[in-house]
Amino acid sequence: MRSVLFCGVCVALLAATASAQEIEVIFTKIAGHPTALVPGALDQNGNPIITEFRAMEDLVGSQDGSRWVLKGRTQNTPDLETIMLLGSGKNGTMFAQEGQPIPGGEPNEVFDFFGSGVGRFDDAGRFAYSARAKGGAASIFQKVIFWDGVNSTVVFHMGDPISGLVDLPPNPSGDETFGNSVGSIHLLNNGSIGSQDSTIQNIHTSRRPAIMYDGQAFHQTGVTTITGMDSLPKTWATILANTFYTTPDGTRWTAQGRIVADAAVDTVVVIDGAIVLQEGSEIDGSGMFFTDAFRTNLLSNGDWYTRGSSPQGHWAVRNGTLMARTGAPIFTGSEENWGATIAGFTGNKYGDYVVLGTTNNPDPAIDHVIVYNGAQVVVREGDPVDLDGNGVFDDDVFIGRGNNTLSAFDADDLFLTDNGVLYFIANLRNSAGQDLNSNPVFGTPQALLRKIVGTVCTADLDDDNDVDQGDLGILLANFGCTGLPGDCPGDVDGDGDVDQSDLGALLSQFGCPHE
């Protein structure tokens, strides 16, 4: 392992003024530091409790980037540790927590844990997710919950009926119900909720998983066909968990799985009912041949971003076009190439995008990067972090691991807002090569961070690509509104209300365009 030591002169040089475009800290796991505190955490009686982060497991952002949800664990007692936080900008607080009553649940039901797919927002910032209950009846303990921006309700649960499924004869059809692991939860603008269930009850195992909207089957293993790359129908052999997602307007959808075919060519990525990537097929004329897809992100405007593997290395494809691959320059003109791993790929509705991965840099202390728009490295392993936000790199905190052969970033835990703000989960170390982790140590030394990487028009309230009279009108119409961050149209600075500071921020951005 390469040593990660810094001389005194080097540390002094790094204690320079941090610009507004540097990495900002939202949460860390650094034991004893204020950024490790979990806002809003409760004890078993629902009273506030002081506790720190134990793990940060998954991150998802809203369609416009105004809200985010972080799923994780705290140092609370084992029966209270799993948690989801709802946030906006650099602030977040407990949204749902193990041991707390489930809104709209049965008597004595409390949260146990939350779905691995986290959940998704619609265009209005409303949210749907899945959770497991404890303390109630085991026959209905898997819940799907809808948050309308104020209140949460259980919309369906394990044991509720699913219409339109076909069982294997002689078994009867029509008695199928949701099982104990419904996931891929995502919310459409019309209030419908999409889901995938591998554990459907009262059905032959060869006829599940299936994907649904509300309680109505949409596609089913062994029954539904999709269009192959040869334009012929192909039957689903399975539909993978946490891969079925739909744009909030309902016009586009994606899923991953396998088709009934030779095992060497059966893995597929599907967009709108047609196979767009298939095992053994060439990727965009690149000489790379598809083996598997690790993640597909479907944006609200219908753009799809998929990353995966091939015998020739990793690749990243947007709308069918190859954007990054192992062995290619990380940006045009760079002598540094993408390495063996591409671990994240997503974008925003303006076409901006980020790629996270390793490079062929010979120094393992700086060989993990995030590249913006195929043009520049915006975050690199080894970058200093202004932990206390005082504008100076004097905290001895850097992105990466003490063992610098380990990953500096969490795979797929990143999103890019329309205003060019990148949110991501990275690991932190100090200059002595020590992980900056929780106490007791658990998992990796994660931190939720963000960085402005593009032109930020936070005052573009009507989402028309500039800041003008229309945005001013929205702000003035909501002047005096108070609530949580993200609640008030016109809350430019994200502090939960619309006041003089928001007006000043808007006027300072007047005329701001998106690049």
Foldseek 3Di string as FASTA:
>chain_A
DDFQFDDPVRLVVQQDFFDQQDWFFQAFQQAPDPRQWAAAAADLVRHDDTWGFQFWQFKDAAQQRQKIKTWGFIPHPLQWTTFIWIDGDSDIHTDFIGNDADFADDPQKHFRYFANLAWYAANLRKTKGWTAIPRDDPQWRIFIWTGPPDGIHTLGTRPAAAPDFDADPPQDPDRKTAHRHKGLWYAAPVGWIKIWGQGIPSHDNQFDTFIDTRRYTDATHPPDWFQEPVRDTWGFRYWDHNAWDAQNNRPKIKTWHFTPDPPQWTTFIDIPRYTLAIRQDDQQPPPFGDDYWDHWDQRNVGKIWIWGAGPQAIFIDIPRHTDATAPDCLAPPDPKHFHRDFQEWDAHPVPKIKTWGFIPPPDLQWGTFIDIPSHDTSATRFDADPHVPPRTSNPQKTQAALPSNDFQFHGHRWDARPQQKIKGKGWMDGSSSHGSRHVVGDDTRITIMMGRDFHGLLLPLVPPFAQEPVSVVQLVVQAFAADQQSPGRQPSVRHGHRYPVSVVSSVVRHGPGGD
